[in-house]
Amino acid sequence: MKIAGALRWSIAVAVVAAMLAGALSFRAGAQSEYMRGDRMPYDAFDRLPKTDLDVSGGTIHVAFAPGHFTLPEEKLIGWVRMSARAVTAYYGRFPVTSLRLLLVPVDGARVNGGTTWGYRGAAIRIPLGRDATENVLQRDWVMVHEMVHTALPDMPDRYGWLSEGLAVYVEPVARVQAGDLPAREIWQAMMRDMPKGLPLAGDQGLDNTPTWGRKYWGGAIFCLLADIEIRKRTNNRVGLQDAMRGVLAAGGNHAQDWTIERVLATADKAVGVDVLTRLHDEMGPKPVTPDLAALWRDLGLKRVGEHIEFDDSAPLAAIREAITAPRLQQGD
């Protein structure tokens, strides 16, 4: 009996181990399958169930790749809704009438970046740590960043700095306008991070220097300078937000292929000044190093220890306040 029992026990252990190995293999295979290839976000929607989320101006079709999340689905949908609300606050409506959003469970508790496509309609894939908490989602910037990409036409790779820089710049501003972040926090982050986008030795301008710093933070510097200059030339009546709403109103979103000249000219027309085109003529082909220290001072940003304070008597303080002030949605 002991020998037979031991044998049965060994067989049982082997069977359970094989089943666990198979389950783990299936889960890993499913994860890698839904993370592989540019066609995957579109192909996934052909076979996965979807939850439709109505937002201002459109519908987000949310699908979950096989696997599990610690948080219930309604919390994840709430995160999507919160992010969409921030993007809508900036653009006046959601940038596209239909967005396919694929959430893929991966190891960990973080939002592990994202990718946005437009060649078969707007689609986003987000690898999300299966153990992500509500606090992680509340503080997340990735979802808003990717959604901002849907509001800009697709352009050649050399102009990726405009797409990424705009997403870096708009994301925190949109979240402040939606009430999800304090303005002081994002200005402190800009002071800390924007120097990463300044040109280094050998730089050949934004169009010709595809380094990480120039693509993301160099593009964000371009957007900040454009926002300030538009507001200077219009007596703070309109800014970059109005320019980009103009691109969207003209039919420019990520499902469209436009030249950068068309994007910038359309944006300039919306605000009545040629700031973006002129700034690109300066910063696109050659390195330009703005005096960020002077810019922060003029905006009324003062470092005090590890924090910042606002100086509302500074020459550009009103512009700083207007950049993050909530705006009405289109039609309001």
Protein backbone atom coordinates (compact mmCIF):
# COMPACT_ATOMS: atom_id res chain seq x y z
CA MET A 1 0.00 0.00 0.00
CA LYS A 2 2.75 2.46 0.79
CA ILE A 3 4.45 1.73 -2.52
CA ALA A 4 1.18 2.03 -4.46
CA GLY A 5 0.23 5.17 -2.56
CA ALA A 6 3.59 6.74 -3.23
CA LEU A 7 3.27 5.87 -6.89
CA ARG A 8 -0.19 7.41 -7.10
CA TRP A 9 1.10 10.50 -5.31
CA SER A 10 4.01 10.84 -7.74
CA ILE A 11 1.67 10.49 -10.70
CA ALA A 12 -0.72 13.06 -9.22
CA VAL A 13 2.13 15.52 -8.61
CA ALA A 14 3.37 15.02 -12.17
CA VAL A 15 -0.12 15.60 -13.59
CA VAL A 16 -0.65 18.76 -11.53
CA ALA A 17 2.80 20.02 -12.48
CA ALA A 18 2.08 19.39 -16.14
CA MET A 19 -1.25 21.20 -15.87
CA LEU A 20 0.35 24.19 -14.13
CA ALA A 21 3.14 24.27 -16.67
CA GLY A 22 0.57 24.16 -19.45
CA ALA A 23 -1.45 26.94 -17.87
CA LEU A 24 1.62 29.10 -17.37
CA SER A 25 2.75 28.38 -20.89
CA PHE A 26 -0.68 29.33 -22.23
CA ARG A 27 -0.70 32.55 -20.24
CA ALA A 28 2.81 33.51 -21.30
CA GLY A 29 2.01 32.56 -24.87
CA ALA A 30 -1.18 34.60 -24.82
CA GLN A 31 0.68 37.57 -23.38
CA SER A 32 3.42 37.44 -25.98
CA GLU A 33 0.87 36.85 -28.74
CA TYR A 34 -1.07 39.98 -27.87
CA MET A 35 2.15 41.99 -27.57
CA ARG A 36 3.61 40.84 -30.88
CA GLY A 37 3.46 42.67 -34.19
CA ASP A 38 1.86 45.86 -35.43
CA ARG A 39 -1.25 44.02 -36.64
CA MET A 40 -2.00 42.66 -33.19
CA PRO A 41 -4.20 45.47 -31.84
CA TYR A 42 -6.45 45.20 -34.88
CA ASP A 43 -6.45 41.42 -35.09
CA ALA A 44 -7.25 41.20 -31.38
CA PHE A 45 -10.49 43.08 -31.84
CA ASP A 46 -11.64 40.54 -34.38
CA ARG A 47 -11.79 37.87 -31.69
CA LEU A 48 -12.00 39.52 -28.26
CA PRO A 49 -15.17 40.75 -26.54
CA LYS A 50 -15.36 44.51 -26.13
CA THR A 51 -16.79 46.97 -23.64
CA ASP A 52 -18.02 50.15 -25.32
CA LEU A 53 -17.41 53.37 -23.44
CA ASP A 54 -19.19 56.48 -24.71
CA VAL A 55 -17.17 59.68 -24.41
CA SER A 56 -17.77 63.21 -25.65
CA GLY A 57 -17.58 62.97 -29.43
CA GLY A 58 -16.84 59.27 -29.73
CA THR A 59 -16.78 55.71 -28.43
CA ILE A 60 -13.87 53.78 -26.92
CA HIS A 61 -14.04 50.02 -27.52
CA VAL A 62 -12.10 48.45 -24.66
CA ALA A 63 -10.85 44.87 -24.98
CA PHE A 64 -8.88 42.77 -22.50
CA ALA A 65 -6.27 40.28 -23.65
CA PRO A 66 -6.38 36.86 -21.91
CA GLY A 67 -5.14 36.93 -18.33
CA HIS A 68 -6.24 38.57 -15.12
CA PHE A 69 -5.93 41.85 -13.26
CA THR A 70 -6.07 42.31 -9.50
CA LEU A 71 -8.44 45.25 -9.93
CA PRO A 72 -11.98 44.57 -11.14
CA GLU A 73 -12.91 45.56 -14.67
CA GLU A 74 -14.98 48.54 -13.55
CA LYS A 75 -11.89 50.13 -11.98
CA LEU A 76 -9.96 49.73 -15.22
CA ILE A 77 -12.83 51.21 -17.20
CA GLY A 78 -12.88 54.10 -14.73
CA TRP A 79 -9.21 54.74 -15.49
CA VAL A 80 -9.95 54.83 -19.21
CA ARG A 81 -12.86 57.20 -18.63
CA MET A 82 -10.75 59.51 -16.45
CA SER A 83 -8.02 59.66 -19.11
CA ALA A 84 -10.53 60.33 -21.89
CA ARG A 85 -12.05 63.14 -19.85
CA ALA A 86 -8.65 64.85 -19.59
CA VAL A 87 -8.04 64.61 -23.35
CA THR A 88 -11.55 65.91 -24.00
CA ALA A 89 -10.89 68.84 -21.65
CA TYR A 90 -7.95 69.90 -23.81
CA TYR A 91 -9.37 69.30 -27.28
CA GLY A 92 -13.00 70.16 -26.63
CA ARG A 93 -14.07 66.66 -27.67
CA PHE A 94 -12.51 63.24 -27.92
CA PRO A 95 -10.12 63.31 -30.90
CA VAL A 96 -11.61 60.35 -32.81
CA THR A 97 -15.16 59.03 -33.12
CA SER A 98 -13.97 55.45 -32.60
CA LEU A 99 -10.95 54.19 -30.65
CA ARG A 100 -10.01 50.57 -30.11
CA LEU A 101 -8.14 50.15 -26.83
CA LEU A 102 -6.44 46.87 -25.94
CA LEU A 103 -5.29 46.26 -22.35
CA VAL A 104 -2.76 43.43 -22.02
CA PRO A 105 -1.99 41.95 -18.57
CA VAL A 106 1.74 41.67 -17.92
CA ASP A 107 3.89 41.01 -14.87
CA GLY A 108 4.24 43.73 -12.25
CA ALA A 109 2.15 46.62 -11.01
CA ARG A 110 3.01 49.40 -13.46
CA VAL A 111 1.64 50.84 -16.67
CA ASN A 112 4.37 49.63 -19.02
CA GLY A 113 4.17 52.20 -21.79
CA GLY A 114 1.85 52.12 -24.77
CA THR A 115 1.63 52.26 -28.54
CA THR A 116 -0.81 54.10 -30.80
CA TRP A 117 -1.68 53.19 -34.39
CA GLY A 118 -3.92 54.79 -36.99
CA TYR A 119 -3.55 52.95 -40.29
CA ARG A 120 -6.75 50.90 -39.77
CA GLY A 121 -8.47 53.40 -37.52
CA ALA A 122 -7.26 54.71 -34.16
CA ALA A 123 -6.01 51.95 -31.86
CA ILE A 124 -4.00 51.88 -28.64
CA ARG A 125 -2.34 48.95 -26.88
CA ILE A 126 -1.36 49.32 -23.21
CA PRO A 127 0.60 46.59 -21.38
CA LEU A 128 -0.68 46.92 -17.80
CA GLY A 129 0.80 45.20 -14.77
CA ARG A 130 -1.77 42.72 -13.52
CA ASP A 131 -1.14 43.87 -9.92
CA ALA A 132 -1.64 47.58 -10.63
CA THR A 133 -3.48 49.42 -7.86
CA GLU A 134 -6.03 52.22 -7.97
CA ASN A 135 -3.32 54.65 -6.90
CA VAL A 136 -1.13 53.59 -9.84
CA LEU A 137 -3.97 54.26 -12.25
CA GLN A 138 -4.88 57.55 -10.58
CA ARG A 139 -1.31 58.79 -11.04
CA ASP A 140 -0.82 57.33 -14.51
CA TRP A 141 0.14 59.57 -17.43
CA VAL A 142 0.61 56.92 -20.14
CA MET A 143 -3.05 56.52 -21.13
CA VAL A 144 -3.53 60.27 -21.62
CA HIS A 145 -0.21 60.49 -23.50
CA GLU A 146 -1.31 57.78 -25.95
CA MET A 147 -4.78 59.29 -26.39
CA VAL A 148 -3.21 62.65 -27.26
CA HIS A 149 -1.43 60.92 -30.15
CA THR A 150 -4.84 60.21 -31.72
CA ALA A 151 -5.39 63.97 -32.16
CA LEU A 152 -2.44 64.53 -34.52
CA PRO A 153 -2.15 63.33 -38.13
CA ASP A 154 0.48 60.72 -38.91
CA MET A 155 3.69 62.23 -40.31
CA PRO A 156 7.06 60.91 -41.55
CA ASP A 157 9.35 59.54 -38.82
CA ARG A 158 11.70 62.52 -38.87
CA TYR A 159 8.90 64.62 -37.38
CA GLY A 160 8.25 62.22 -34.53
CA TRP A 161 9.46 64.98 -32.20
CA LEU A 162 6.24 66.91 -32.85
CA SER A 163 4.03 63.91 -32.10
CA GLU A 164 5.92 62.88 -28.97
CA GLY A 165 6.68 66.41 -27.83
CA LEU A 166 3.04 67.41 -28.14
CA ALA A 167 1.96 64.35 -26.14
CA VAL A 168 4.56 65.11 -23.44
CA TYR A 169 3.42 68.73 -23.21
CA VAL A 170 -0.35 68.33 -23.57
CA GLU A 171 -0.75 65.33 -21.23
CA PRO A 172 -0.04 67.15 -17.93
CA VAL A 173 -1.80 70.34 -19.03
CA ALA A 174 -4.90 68.34 -19.93
CA ARG A 175 -4.84 66.57 -16.57
CA VAL A 176 -4.65 69.91 -14.75
CA GLN A 177 -7.56 71.27 -16.79
CA ALA A 178 -9.57 68.17 -15.91
CA GLY A 179 -8.81 68.63 -12.20
CA ASP A 180 -6.62 65.53 -11.91
CA LEU A 181 -3.33 67.31 -11.13
CA PRO A 182 -2.33 70.57 -9.42
CA ALA A 183 -0.74 73.16 -11.73
CA ARG A 184 2.22 73.60 -9.40
CA GLU A 185 3.17 69.94 -9.86
CA ILE A 186 3.42 70.06 -13.64
CA TRP A 187 5.40 73.31 -13.74
CA GLN A 188 7.85 71.80 -11.27
CA ALA A 189 8.17 68.77 -13.54
CA MET A 190 8.77 70.98 -16.58
CA MET A 191 11.54 72.85 -14.79
CA ARG A 192 13.14 69.53 -13.86
CA ASP A 193 12.77 67.67 -17.14
CA MET A 194 12.79 70.12 -20.05
CA PRO A 195 16.58 70.63 -19.94
CA LYS A 196 16.76 67.03 -21.22
CA GLY A 197 15.51 68.37 -24.56
CA LEU A 198 18.20 70.99 -25.11
CA PRO A 199 20.58 70.39 -28.04
CA LEU A 200 23.95 68.78 -27.35
CA ALA A 201 27.16 68.82 -29.37
CA GLY A 202 26.55 67.68 -32.94
CA ASP A 203 22.84 68.49 -32.86
CA GLN A 204 21.33 69.24 -36.28
CA GLY A 205 17.93 70.53 -35.28
CA LEU A 206 14.72 68.77 -34.29
CA ASP A 207 14.09 67.38 -37.78
CA ASN A 208 17.51 65.74 -37.98
CA THR A 209 18.37 64.67 -34.40
CA PRO A 210 16.31 61.61 -33.42
CA THR A 211 17.72 61.19 -29.91
CA TRP A 212 15.38 60.36 -27.03
CA GLY A 213 15.89 63.72 -25.32
CA ARG A 214 15.29 65.77 -28.44
CA LYS A 215 12.36 63.68 -29.65
CA TYR A 216 10.41 63.87 -26.40
CA TRP A 217 11.64 66.86 -24.42
CA GLY A 218 12.96 68.87 -27.36
CA GLY A 219 9.51 68.55 -28.88
CA ALA A 220 7.95 69.59 -25.56
CA ILE A 221 10.16 72.70 -25.47
CA PHE A 222 8.96 73.56 -28.98
CA CYS A 223 5.33 73.26 -27.80
CA LEU A 224 5.88 75.40 -24.71
CA LEU A 225 7.64 78.12 -26.71
CA ALA A 226 4.87 78.03 -29.32
CA ASP A 227 2.16 78.26 -26.65
CA ILE A 228 3.79 81.27 -25.03
CA GLU A 229 4.46 83.05 -28.35
CA ILE A 230 0.91 82.52 -29.62
CA ARG A 231 -0.42 83.98 -26.39
CA LYS A 232 1.98 86.93 -26.56
CA ARG A 233 0.89 87.77 -30.09
CA THR A 234 -2.83 87.43 -29.36
CA ASN A 235 -2.87 89.24 -26.01
CA ASN A 236 -3.34 85.89 -24.28
CA ARG A 237 -6.64 85.35 -26.08
CA VAL A 238 -5.69 81.97 -27.56
CA GLY A 239 -2.80 79.51 -27.33
CA LEU A 240 -1.47 76.18 -28.57
CA GLN A 241 -4.63 74.51 -27.32
CA ASP A 242 -6.70 76.51 -29.80
CA ALA A 243 -4.22 75.81 -32.59
CA MET A 244 -4.43 72.06 -32.04
CA ARG A 245 -8.20 72.18 -31.75
CA GLY A 246 -8.06 73.80 -35.18
CA VAL A 247 -6.12 70.86 -36.61
CA LEU A 248 -8.69 68.47 -35.17
CA ALA A 249 -11.59 70.56 -36.52
CA ALA A 250 -10.01 70.42 -39.99
CA GLY A 251 -10.13 66.61 -39.92
CA GLY A 252 -6.56 66.07 -38.78
CA ASN A 253 -6.31 63.03 -36.52
CA HIS A 254 -4.04 60.00 -36.28
CA ALA A 255 -5.95 58.09 -38.94
CA GLN A 256 -4.87 60.71 -41.52
CA ASP A 257 -1.49 61.18 -43.23
CA TRP A 258 -0.47 64.83 -43.39
CA THR A 259 2.77 66.68 -44.05
CA ILE A 260 4.19 68.67 -41.17
CA GLU A 261 3.74 71.82 -43.25
CA ARG A 262 0.01 71.15 -43.49
CA VAL A 263 -0.26 70.43 -39.76
CA LEU A 264 1.52 73.64 -38.76
CA ALA A 265 -0.21 75.83 -41.36
CA THR A 266 -3.62 74.53 -40.25
CA ALA A 267 -2.75 75.18 -36.61
CA ASP A 268 -1.50 78.69 -37.41
CA LYS A 269 -4.66 79.49 -39.36
CA ALA A 270 -6.79 78.48 -36.38
CA VAL A 271 -5.17 81.12 -34.15
CA GLY A 272 -4.48 83.75 -36.80
CA VAL A 273 -0.70 83.96 -36.31
CA ASP A 274 2.11 82.04 -38.01
CA VAL A 275 3.97 81.09 -34.86
CA LEU A 276 4.26 77.34 -35.39
CA THR A 277 5.50 77.53 -38.97
CA ARG A 278 8.08 80.19 -38.10
CA LEU A 279 9.25 78.32 -35.01
CA HIS A 280 9.69 75.14 -37.04
CA ASP A 281 11.70 77.08 -39.62
CA GLU A 282 14.03 78.06 -36.77
CA MET A 283 14.21 74.89 -34.69
CA GLY A 284 13.66 72.19 -37.31
CA PRO A 285 16.87 72.45 -39.40
CA LYS A 286 19.32 73.73 -36.78
CA PRO A 287 19.90 73.65 -33.02
CA VAL A 288 18.30 76.37 -30.95
CA THR A 289 19.03 76.67 -27.23
CA PRO A 290 16.41 78.77 -25.42
CA ASP A 291 17.30 80.33 -22.07
CA LEU A 292 15.11 78.16 -19.88
CA ALA A 293 16.21 79.84 -16.66
CA ALA A 294 15.01 83.20 -17.97
CA LEU A 295 11.80 81.61 -19.24
CA TRP A 296 10.98 80.11 -15.84
CA ARG A 297 11.66 83.47 -14.22
CA ASP A 298 9.39 85.31 -16.66
CA LEU A 299 6.63 82.75 -16.09
CA GLY A 300 6.87 83.38 -12.36
CA LEU A 301 8.36 80.04 -11.32
CA LYS A 302 10.70 80.17 -8.33
CA ARG A 303 12.46 77.18 -6.79
CA VAL A 304 12.18 77.07 -3.02
CA GLY A 305 14.02 74.02 -1.70
CA GLU A 306 12.49 70.97 -3.33
CA HIS A 307 9.35 72.84 -4.34
CA ILE A 308 8.37 75.86 -6.41
CA GLU A 309 6.37 78.98 -5.73
CA PHE A 310 4.42 81.15 -8.17
CA ASP A 311 5.32 84.81 -8.61
CA ASP A 312 2.14 86.37 -9.94
CA SER A 313 3.91 89.68 -10.59
CA ALA A 314 6.19 88.09 -13.23
CA PRO A 315 5.75 89.36 -16.82
CA LEU A 316 4.36 86.06 -18.14
CA ALA A 317 2.44 84.99 -15.04
CA ALA A 318 -0.93 85.58 -16.73
CA ILE A 319 0.15 83.37 -19.62
CA ARG A 320 1.25 80.65 -17.21
CA GLU A 321 -2.16 80.73 -15.56
CA ALA A 322 -4.02 80.73 -18.90
CA ILE A 323 -2.16 77.65 -20.17
CA THR A 324 -3.62 75.42 -17.46
CA ALA A 325 -6.98 77.16 -17.00
CA PRO A 326 -9.99 74.90 -17.77
CA ARG A 327 -11.63 75.52 -21.13
CA LEU A 328 -15.12 74.94 -22.43
CA GLN A 329 -15.85 71.99 -24.66
CA GLN A 330 -16.78 72.68 -28.26
CA GLY A 331 -20.38 73.75 -28.52
CA ASP A 332 -20.57 75.01 -24.90
